[in-house]
Amino acid sequence: MSIDMVTSSLRFGLVELNWTFVFQLINTLILFLILKKFLFGPVTSFMKKREDEIKNQIQAAKNLDEDAQKLKAEYELKLTHADDEGKEIIKKYTQRAENRAFEIVKTAEAEVDTMKLNAHRELERERVKAVNELKGQISELTILAASKVVEKDLNEADHKELINKFISEVGETQWQN
């Protein structure tokens, strides 16, 4: 075997095994280790960080969605309560208005009753006054008739005595001044 053979390369199809191939293989391995150290590590850690950020953002979005659903449920409950409160307030003020109307009617009825009572009292006073005036007129007529019968004029003391006697005989109502 000659040196040519040792220095020569072996050939397997497209690949030729020689020292160049070995150096290329070692260079590729070194390049892979350098890339792994300086490129693949940082890129992998960047991708891991980015994946964690996305997972955190997704979780935060889920939490926000849950919070939003809770707030929505609370607001819907508050709206329901607000509707109920509104109906209760309307009912309360309607009841107040009805009570006030009832009070106004009662007050008006009481005023009407008072007015009727006052009218009856006024009528009674007017009747008593008319009776007293009538008694006065009757007593004047009686004195006039008595003076004609007696044919003499009576003095003032005799007048009063005759009037009082006549009034006591005519009615039980006392003379009003």
C-alpha atoms as a PDB file:
ATOM      1  CA  MET A   1       0.000   0.000   0.000  1.00  0.00           C
ATOM      2  CA  SER A   2       1.257   3.110  -0.896  1.00  0.00           C
ATOM      3  CA  ILE A   3       1.039   6.391   0.796  1.00  0.00           C
ATOM      4  CA  ASP A   4      -1.227   7.532  -1.807  1.00  0.00           C
ATOM      5  CA  MET A   5      -3.772   5.282  -0.511  1.00  0.00           C
ATOM      6  CA  VAL A   6      -3.502   6.450   3.044  1.00  0.00           C
ATOM      7  CA  THR A   7      -3.586  10.052   1.973  1.00  0.00           C
ATOM      8  CA  SER A   8      -6.219   9.367  -0.437  1.00  0.00           C
ATOM      9  CA  SER A   9      -9.742   9.417   0.651  1.00  0.00           C
ATOM     10  CA  LEU A  10     -12.453   6.917   0.783  1.00  0.00           C
ATOM     11  CA  ARG A  11     -15.473   7.630  -1.167  1.00  0.00           C
ATOM     12  CA  PHE A  12     -19.014   6.566  -0.271  1.00  0.00           C
ATOM     13  CA  GLY A  13     -21.327   7.957  -2.801  1.00  0.00           C
ATOM     14  CA  LEU A  14     -21.376  11.730  -2.496  1.00  0.00           C
ATOM     15  CA  VAL A  15     -19.445  11.781   0.779  1.00  0.00           C
ATOM     16  CA  GLU A  16     -15.712  11.503   0.671  1.00  0.00           C
ATOM     17  CA  LEU A  17     -13.994  10.511   3.910  1.00  0.00           C
ATOM     18  CA  ASN A  18     -10.814  12.438   4.380  1.00  0.00           C
ATOM     19  CA  TRP A  19      -9.188  14.855   6.779  1.00  0.00           C
ATOM     20  CA  THR A  20     -11.176  17.728   5.423  1.00  0.00           C
ATOM     21  CA  PHE A  21     -14.357  15.925   6.206  1.00  0.00           C
ATOM     22  CA  VAL A  22     -13.162  15.243   9.750  1.00  0.00           C
ATOM     23  CA  PHE A  23     -12.253  18.935  10.234  1.00  0.00           C
ATOM     24  CA  GLN A  24     -15.582  20.010   8.822  1.00  0.00           C
ATOM     25  CA  LEU A  25     -17.291  17.644  11.200  1.00  0.00           C
ATOM     26  CA  ILE A  26     -15.284  19.017  14.173  1.00  0.00           C
ATOM     27  CA  ASN A  27     -15.975  22.620  13.025  1.00  0.00           C
ATOM     28  CA  THR A  28     -19.660  21.852  12.763  1.00  0.00           C
ATOM     29  CA  LEU A  29     -19.645  20.334  16.245  1.00  0.00           C
ATOM     30  CA  ILE A  30     -17.791  23.378  17.673  1.00  0.00           C
ATOM     31  CA  LEU A  31     -20.151  25.711  15.839  1.00  0.00           C
ATOM     32  CA  PHE A  32     -23.117  23.763  17.249  1.00  0.00           C
ATOM     33  CA  LEU A  33     -21.751  24.025  20.803  1.00  0.00           C
ATOM     34  CA  ILE A  34     -21.061  27.776  20.388  1.00  0.00           C
ATOM     35  CA  LEU A  35     -24.512  28.338  18.922  1.00  0.00           C
ATOM     36  CA  LYS A  36     -26.041  26.252  21.688  1.00  0.00           C
ATOM     37  CA  LYS A  37     -24.233  28.305  24.317  1.00  0.00           C
ATOM     38  CA  PHE A  38     -24.736  31.773  22.820  1.00  0.00           C
ATOM     39  CA  LEU A  39     -27.790  31.431  20.569  1.00  0.00           C
ATOM     40  CA  PHE A  40     -29.971  28.472  21.470  1.00  0.00           C
ATOM     41  CA  GLY A  41     -29.795  29.163  25.251  1.00  0.00           C
ATOM     42  CA  PRO A  42     -30.828  32.824  25.032  1.00  0.00           C
ATOM     43  CA  VAL A  43     -33.393  32.129  22.311  1.00  0.00           C
ATOM     44  CA  THR A  44     -34.812  29.239  24.328  1.00  0.00           C
ATOM     45  CA  SER A  45     -34.916  31.330  27.523  1.00  0.00           C
ATOM     46  CA  PHE A  46     -36.477  34.229  25.536  1.00  0.00           C
ATOM     47  CA  MET A  47     -39.065  31.869  24.104  1.00  0.00           C
ATOM     48  CA  LYS A  48     -39.707  30.420  27.597  1.00  0.00           C
ATOM     49  CA  LYS A  49     -40.101  33.918  29.049  1.00  0.00           C
ATOM     50  CA  ARG A  50     -42.397  34.894  26.193  1.00  0.00           C
ATOM     51  CA  GLU A  51     -44.459  31.725  26.708  1.00  0.00           C
ATOM     52  CA  ASP A  52     -44.695  32.454  30.452  1.00  0.00           C
ATOM     53  CA  GLU A  53     -45.763  36.048  29.728  1.00  0.00           C
ATOM     54  CA  ILE A  54     -48.441  34.857  27.345  1.00  0.00           C
ATOM     55  CA  LYS A  55     -49.646  32.281  29.906  1.00  0.00           C
ATOM     56  CA  ASN A  56     -49.710  35.018  32.578  1.00  0.00           C
ATOM     57  CA  GLN A  57     -51.598  37.347  30.235  1.00  0.00           C
ATOM     58  CA  ILE A  58     -54.084  34.595  29.429  1.00  0.00           C
ATOM     59  CA  GLN A  59     -54.520  33.890  33.150  1.00  0.00           C
ATOM     60  CA  ALA A  60     -54.903  37.619  33.860  1.00  0.00           C
ATOM     61  CA  ALA A  61     -57.493  37.855  31.078  1.00  0.00           C
ATOM     62  CA  LYS A  62     -59.345  34.875  32.581  1.00  0.00           C
ATOM     63  CA  ASN A  63     -59.220  36.532  36.014  1.00  0.00           C
ATOM     64  CA  LEU A  64     -60.481  39.812  34.533  1.00  0.00           C
ATOM     65  CA  ASP A  65     -63.237  37.940  32.750  1.00  0.00           C
ATOM     66  CA  GLU A  66     -64.231  36.220  36.013  1.00  0.00           C
ATOM     67  CA  ASP A  67     -64.166  39.580  37.817  1.00  0.00           C
ATOM     68  CA  ALA A  68     -66.225  41.122  35.025  1.00  0.00           C
ATOM     69  CA  GLN A  69     -68.738  38.277  35.272  1.00  0.00           C
ATOM     70  CA  LYS A  70     -68.953  38.769  39.050  1.00  0.00           C
ATOM     71  CA  LEU A  71     -69.431  42.532  38.621  1.00  0.00           C
ATOM     72  CA  LYS A  72     -72.039  41.914  35.946  1.00  0.00           C
ATOM     73  CA  ALA A  73     -73.906  39.560  38.288  1.00  0.00           C
ATOM     74  CA  GLU A  74     -73.653  42.116  41.110  1.00  0.00           C
ATOM     75  CA  TYR A  75     -74.930  44.921  38.880  1.00  0.00           C
ATOM     76  CA  GLU A  76     -77.772  42.790  37.611  1.00  0.00           C
ATOM     77  CA  LEU A  77     -78.655  42.010  41.224  1.00  0.00           C
ATOM     78  CA  LYS A  78     -78.425  45.708  42.074  1.00  0.00           C
ATOM     79  CA  LEU A  79     -80.637  46.527  39.086  1.00  0.00           C
ATOM     80  CA  THR A  80     -83.171  44.000  40.290  1.00  0.00           C
ATOM     81  CA  HIS A  81     -83.009  45.508  43.765  1.00  0.00           C
ATOM     82  CA  ALA A  82     -83.228  49.001  42.272  1.00  0.00           C
ATOM     83  CA  ASP A  83     -86.378  47.983  40.403  1.00  0.00           C
ATOM     84  CA  ASP A  84     -87.798  46.536  43.607  1.00  0.00           C
ATOM     85  CA  GLU A  85     -86.775  49.658  45.541  1.00  0.00           C
ATOM     86  CA  GLY A  86     -88.360  51.853  42.876  1.00  0.00           C
ATOM     87  CA  LYS A  87     -91.582  49.899  43.066  1.00  0.00           C
ATOM     88  CA  GLU A  88     -91.468  50.065  46.873  1.00  0.00           C
ATOM     89  CA  ILE A  89     -90.875  53.830  46.795  1.00  0.00           C
ATOM     90  CA  ILE A  90     -93.753  54.308  44.350  1.00  0.00           C
ATOM     91  CA  LYS A  91     -95.960  52.140  46.557  1.00  0.00           C
ATOM     92  CA  LYS A  92     -94.901  54.080  49.664  1.00  0.00           C
ATOM     93  CA  TYR A  93     -95.582  57.482  48.117  1.00  0.00           C
ATOM     94  CA  THR A  94     -98.848  56.271  46.615  1.00  0.00           C
ATOM     95  CA  GLN A  95     -99.891  55.148  50.100  1.00  0.00           C
ATOM     96  CA  ARG A  96     -98.795  58.514  51.514  1.00  0.00           C
ATOM     97  CA  ALA A  97    -100.808  60.326  48.859  1.00  0.00           C
ATOM     98  CA  GLU A  98    -103.861  58.188  49.608  1.00  0.00           C
ATOM     99  CA  ASN A  99    -103.440  58.829  53.345  1.00  0.00           C
ATOM    100  CA  ARG A 100    -103.054  62.554  52.703  1.00  0.00           C
ATOM    101  CA  ALA A 101    -106.162  62.555  50.512  1.00  0.00           C
ATOM    102  CA  PHE A 102    -108.046  60.695  53.260  1.00  0.00           C
ATOM    103  CA  GLU A 103    -106.826  63.256  55.818  1.00  0.00           C
ATOM    104  CA  ILE A 104    -107.906  66.126  53.553  1.00  0.00           C
ATOM    105  CA  VAL A 105    -111.350  64.572  53.133  1.00  0.00           C
ATOM    106  CA  LYS A 106    -111.625  63.999  56.901  1.00  0.00           C
ATOM    107  CA  THR A 107    -110.543  67.582  57.594  1.00  0.00           C
ATOM    108  CA  ALA A 108    -113.052  68.886  55.071  1.00  0.00           C
ATOM    109  CA  GLU A 109    -115.791  66.762  56.630  1.00  0.00           C
ATOM    110  CA  ALA A 110    -114.855  68.052  60.093  1.00  0.00           C
ATOM    111  CA  GLU A 111    -114.921  71.632  58.801  1.00  0.00           C
ATOM    112  CA  VAL A 112    -118.347  71.020  57.226  1.00  0.00           C
ATOM    113  CA  ASP A 113    -119.596  69.573  60.515  1.00  0.00           C
ATOM    114  CA  THR A 114    -118.185  72.587  62.383  1.00  0.00           C
ATOM    115  CA  MET A 115    -119.809  74.934  59.890  1.00  0.00           C
ATOM    116  CA  LYS A 116    -123.138  73.107  60.291  1.00  0.00           C
ATOM    117  CA  LEU A 117    -122.862  73.312  64.076  1.00  0.00           C
ATOM    118  CA  ASN A 118    -122.016  77.019  63.888  1.00  0.00           C
ATOM    119  CA  ALA A 119    -124.926  77.576  61.520  1.00  0.00           C
ATOM    120  CA  HIS A 120    -127.279  75.774  63.916  1.00  0.00           C
ATOM    121  CA  ARG A 121    -125.970  77.857  66.820  1.00  0.00           C
ATOM    122  CA  GLU A 122    -126.372  81.042  64.792  1.00  0.00           C
ATOM    123  CA  LEU A 123    -129.915  80.002  63.834  1.00  0.00           C
ATOM    124  CA  GLU A 124    -130.684  79.307  67.495  1.00  0.00           C
ATOM    125  CA  ARG A 125    -129.294  82.731  68.477  1.00  0.00           C
ATOM    126  CA  GLU A 126    -131.342  84.403  65.759  1.00  0.00           C
ATOM    127  CA  ARG A 127    -134.451  82.508  66.893  1.00  0.00           C
ATOM    128  CA  VAL A 128    -133.886  83.529  70.517  1.00  0.00           C
ATOM    129  CA  LYS A 129    -133.245  87.113  69.385  1.00  0.00           C
ATOM    130  CA  ALA A 130    -136.423  87.079  67.287  1.00  0.00           C
ATOM    131  CA  VAL A 131    -138.410  85.642  70.203  1.00  0.00           C
ATOM    132  CA  ASN A 132    -137.008  88.326  72.510  1.00  0.00           C
ATOM    133  CA  GLU A 133    -137.785  91.036  69.986  1.00  0.00           C
ATOM    134  CA  LEU A 134    -141.254  89.609  69.631  1.00  0.00           C
ATOM    135  CA  LYS A 135    -141.636  89.619  73.412  1.00  0.00           C
ATOM    136  CA  GLY A 136    -140.495  93.220  73.459  1.00  0.00           C
ATOM    137  CA  GLN A 137    -143.037  94.124  70.831  1.00  0.00           C
ATOM    138  CA  ILE A 138    -145.734  92.144  72.634  1.00  0.00           C
ATOM    139  CA  SER A 139    -144.881  93.853  75.906  1.00  0.00           C
ATOM    140  CA  GLU A 140    -145.076  97.251  74.213  1.00  0.00           C
ATOM    141  CA  LEU A 141    -148.426  96.306  72.729  1.00  0.00           C
ATOM    142  CA  THR A 142    -149.583  94.997  76.088  1.00  0.00           C
ATOM    143  CA  ILE A 143    -148.589  98.206  77.815  1.00  0.00           C
ATOM    144  CA  LEU A 144    -150.319 100.187  75.132  1.00  0.00           C
ATOM    145  CA  ALA A 145    -153.426  98.017  75.484  1.00  0.00           C
ATOM    146  CA  ALA A 146    -153.269  98.142  79.276  1.00  0.00           C
ATOM    147  CA  SER A 147    -152.868 101.889  79.284  1.00  0.00           C
ATOM    148  CA  LYS A 148    -155.893 102.145  77.055  1.00  0.00           C
ATOM    149  CA  VAL A 149    -157.804  99.891  79.373  1.00  0.00           C
ATOM    150  CA  VAL A 150    -156.732 101.695  82.459  1.00  0.00           C
ATOM    151  CA  GLU A 151    -156.792 104.952  80.588  1.00  0.00           C
ATOM    152  CA  LYS A 152    -153.925 106.317  82.343  1.00  0.00           C
ATOM    153  CA  ASP A 153    -150.228 106.626  81.611  1.00  0.00           C
ATOM    154  CA  LEU A 154    -147.964 104.479  83.600  1.00  0.00           C
ATOM    155  CA  ASN A 155    -144.613 105.655  84.823  1.00  0.00           C
ATOM    156  CA  GLU A 156    -141.380 103.916  83.937  1.00  0.00           C
ATOM    157  CA  ALA A 157    -141.270 101.772  87.066  1.00  0.00           C
ATOM    158  CA  ASP A 158    -144.802 100.576  86.457  1.00  0.00           C
ATOM    159  CA  HIS A 159    -143.854  99.827  82.822  1.00  0.00           C
ATOM    160  CA  LYS A 160    -140.957  97.637  83.851  1.00  0.00           C
ATOM    161  CA  GLU A 161    -143.007  95.809  86.414  1.00  0.00           C
ATOM    162  CA  LEU A 162    -145.771  95.056  83.929  1.00  0.00           C
ATOM    163  CA  ILE A 163    -143.252  93.947  81.275  1.00  0.00           C
ATOM    164  CA  ASN A 164    -141.471  91.584  83.637  1.00  0.00           C
ATOM    165  CA  LYS A 165    -144.723  90.113  84.861  1.00  0.00           C
ATOM    166  CA  PHE A 166    -145.940  89.630  81.294  1.00  0.00           C
ATOM    167  CA  ILE A 167    -142.659  88.022  80.145  1.00  0.00           C
ATOM    168  CA  SER A 168    -142.625  85.600  83.053  1.00  0.00           C
ATOM    169  CA  GLU A 169    -146.182  84.609  82.220  1.00  0.00           C
ATOM    170  CA  VAL A 170    -145.599  84.368  78.434  1.00  0.00           C
ATOM    171  CA  GLY A 171    -142.487  82.206  78.279  1.00  0.00           C
ATOM    172  CA  GLU A 172    -139.614  80.661  80.063  1.00  0.00           C
ATOM    173  CA  THR A 173    -136.985  82.364  77.950  1.00  0.00           C
ATOM    174  CA  GLN A 174    -135.105  85.068  79.873  1.00  0.00           C
ATOM    175  CA  TRP A 175    -134.808  88.565  78.543  1.00  0.00           C
ATOM    176  CA  GLN A 176    -131.497  89.122  76.706  1.00  0.00           C
ATOM    177  CA  ASN A 177    -129.747  92.409  77.071  1.00  0.00           C
END
